[in-house]
């Protein structure tokens, strides 16, 4: 607060060259500070996400870590009791293959790459 004329001051208002100050963030300046954050580390610890074993992801052609939600794991990787001749390793490999195929066939610069999985 500027005590001489009771006007608020901010680092953005103090920029004299017409550029915003280095410590401004358009997202937090617009929306304000986050109310709640949840990190990947917390999601892994809580069991909400699981990491594909790095060796499996690399063998499937991925250069970056791959994570699945617990829902994807439960619905697409986990093998039901009534299902025979399938295992979780094979189903995980199928998911990685379909994901890799979807990425390779997506348009350059795509922000989202949806793909479908069918599991029994």
Protein backbone atom coordinates (compact mmCIF):
# COMPACT_ATOMS: atom_id res chain seq x y z
CA UNK A 1 0.00 0.00 0.00
CA UNK A 2 1.34 3.44 -0.91
CA UNK A 3 0.97 5.37 2.33
CA UNK A 4 1.19 8.81 0.70
CA UNK A 5 -2.03 8.53 -1.29
CA UNK A 6 -3.51 5.23 -0.01
CA UNK A 7 -3.25 3.49 -3.39
CA UNK A 8 -2.33 -0.18 -3.76
CA UNK A 9 1.05 -0.97 -5.23
CA UNK A 10 2.07 -4.08 -7.10
CA UNK A 11 5.15 -5.25 -8.91
CA UNK A 12 3.20 -5.08 -12.19
CA UNK A 13 2.26 -1.44 -11.57
CA UNK A 14 5.87 -0.55 -10.76
CA UNK A 15 7.22 -1.63 -14.14
CA UNK A 16 8.38 1.61 -15.78
CA UNK A 17 9.35 0.20 -19.17
CA UNK A 18 5.86 -1.00 -20.13
CA UNK A 19 6.76 -4.64 -19.48
CA UNK A 20 5.28 -6.60 -16.59
CA UNK A 21 7.59 -7.24 -13.69
CA UNK A 22 9.43 -10.55 -13.71
CA UNK A 23 7.55 -11.81 -10.64
CA UNK A 24 4.07 -11.54 -12.17
CA UNK A 25 2.14 -14.57 -13.34
CA UNK A 26 -0.88 -14.01 -15.61
CA UNK A 27 -2.65 -17.09 -14.26
CA UNK A 28 -2.35 -16.24 -10.58
CA UNK A 29 -2.83 -12.53 -11.26
CA UNK A 30 -6.17 -13.37 -12.95
CA UNK A 31 -7.40 -16.26 -10.79
CA UNK A 32 -5.53 -15.56 -7.56
CA UNK A 33 -3.47 -18.11 -5.67
CA UNK A 34 -4.50 -21.76 -5.87
CA UNK A 35 -6.90 -22.94 -3.20
CA UNK A 36 -5.58 -26.50 -3.29
CA UNK A 37 -2.81 -28.35 -5.12
CA UNK A 38 -2.25 -32.08 -5.50
CA UNK A 39 1.10 -33.32 -6.74
CA UNK A 40 1.92 -36.41 -8.74
CA UNK A 41 4.00 -37.60 -5.78
CA UNK A 42 0.88 -37.38 -3.58
CA UNK A 43 -1.23 -39.17 -6.20
CA UNK A 44 1.30 -42.00 -6.37
CA UNK A 45 1.44 -42.26 -2.57
CA UNK A 46 -2.37 -42.26 -2.38
CA UNK A 47 -2.69 -44.91 -5.09
CA UNK A 48 -4.63 -42.60 -7.40
CA UNK A 49 -1.92 -42.98 -10.05
CA UNK A 50 0.61 -45.69 -10.81
CA UNK A 51 3.78 -45.44 -12.83
CA UNK A 52 4.37 -47.89 -15.64
CA UNK A 53 7.67 -49.61 -14.87
CA UNK A 54 10.32 -47.47 -16.63
CA UNK A 55 11.90 -50.47 -18.36
CA UNK A 56 8.53 -51.45 -19.84
CA UNK A 57 7.80 -47.88 -20.99
CA UNK A 58 11.24 -47.63 -22.61
CA UNK A 59 10.84 -50.99 -24.33
CA UNK A 60 7.49 -49.76 -25.70
CA UNK A 61 9.28 -46.74 -27.21
CA UNK A 62 8.59 -44.02 -24.65
CA UNK A 63 11.28 -41.56 -23.61
CA UNK A 64 9.30 -40.09 -20.73
CA UNK A 65 7.66 -41.67 -17.67
CA UNK A 66 4.15 -43.01 -18.25
CA UNK A 67 1.49 -42.92 -15.54
CA UNK A 68 -1.96 -44.51 -15.38
CA UNK A 69 -4.84 -43.50 -13.17
CA UNK A 70 -6.19 -46.10 -10.79
CA UNK A 71 -9.38 -46.18 -12.87
CA UNK A 72 -7.53 -47.00 -16.10
CA UNK A 73 -5.57 -49.68 -14.27
CA UNK A 74 -8.72 -51.20 -12.74
CA UNK A 75 -10.75 -51.13 -15.95
CA UNK A 76 -8.12 -51.86 -18.59
CA UNK A 77 -5.11 -53.58 -17.02
CA UNK A 78 -6.47 -55.63 -14.13
CA UNK A 79 -7.68 -59.01 -15.29
CA UNK A 80 -11.08 -60.07 -14.00
CA UNK A 81 -11.54 -63.43 -12.30
CA UNK A 82 -13.71 -64.76 -15.13
CA UNK A 83 -11.15 -63.80 -17.83
CA UNK A 84 -8.79 -66.51 -18.99
CA UNK A 85 -5.70 -66.46 -21.22
CA UNK A 86 -4.79 -62.86 -20.32
CA UNK A 87 -2.44 -61.29 -17.84
CA UNK A 88 -1.76 -57.77 -16.58
CA UNK A 89 1.62 -57.54 -18.33
CA UNK A 90 0.01 -58.29 -21.69
CA UNK A 91 -2.84 -55.88 -21.14
CA UNK A 92 -0.45 -53.11 -20.05
CA UNK A 93 1.62 -53.76 -23.18
CA UNK A 94 -1.55 -53.45 -25.31
CA UNK A 95 -2.32 -50.05 -23.73
CA UNK A 96 1.21 -48.80 -24.33
CA UNK A 97 1.10 -50.03 -27.93
CA UNK A 98 -2.20 -48.24 -28.59
CA UNK A 99 -0.94 -45.06 -26.90
CA UNK A 100 2.30 -45.12 -28.91
CA UNK A 101 0.32 -45.65 -32.12
CA UNK A 102 -2.05 -42.77 -31.27
CA UNK A 103 0.87 -40.43 -30.55
CA UNK A 104 2.68 -41.31 -33.79
CA UNK A 105 -0.47 -40.73 -35.83
CA UNK A 106 -1.56 -37.50 -34.15
CA UNK A 107 -1.27 -34.14 -35.90
CA UNK A 108 1.81 -32.10 -35.07
CA UNK A 109 1.25 -29.81 -32.11
CA UNK A 110 -1.83 -31.69 -30.85
CA UNK A 111 -2.63 -30.73 -27.27
CA UNK A 112 -4.74 -33.84 -26.64
CA UNK A 113 -4.48 -37.31 -28.11
CA UNK A 114 -7.62 -39.29 -27.31
CA UNK A 115 -7.68 -43.01 -28.04
CA UNK A 116 -10.05 -45.83 -27.18
CA UNK A 117 -9.43 -49.07 -25.36
CA UNK A 118 -11.73 -52.04 -25.23
CA UNK A 119 -11.23 -54.51 -22.40
CA UNK A 120 -13.14 -57.60 -21.39
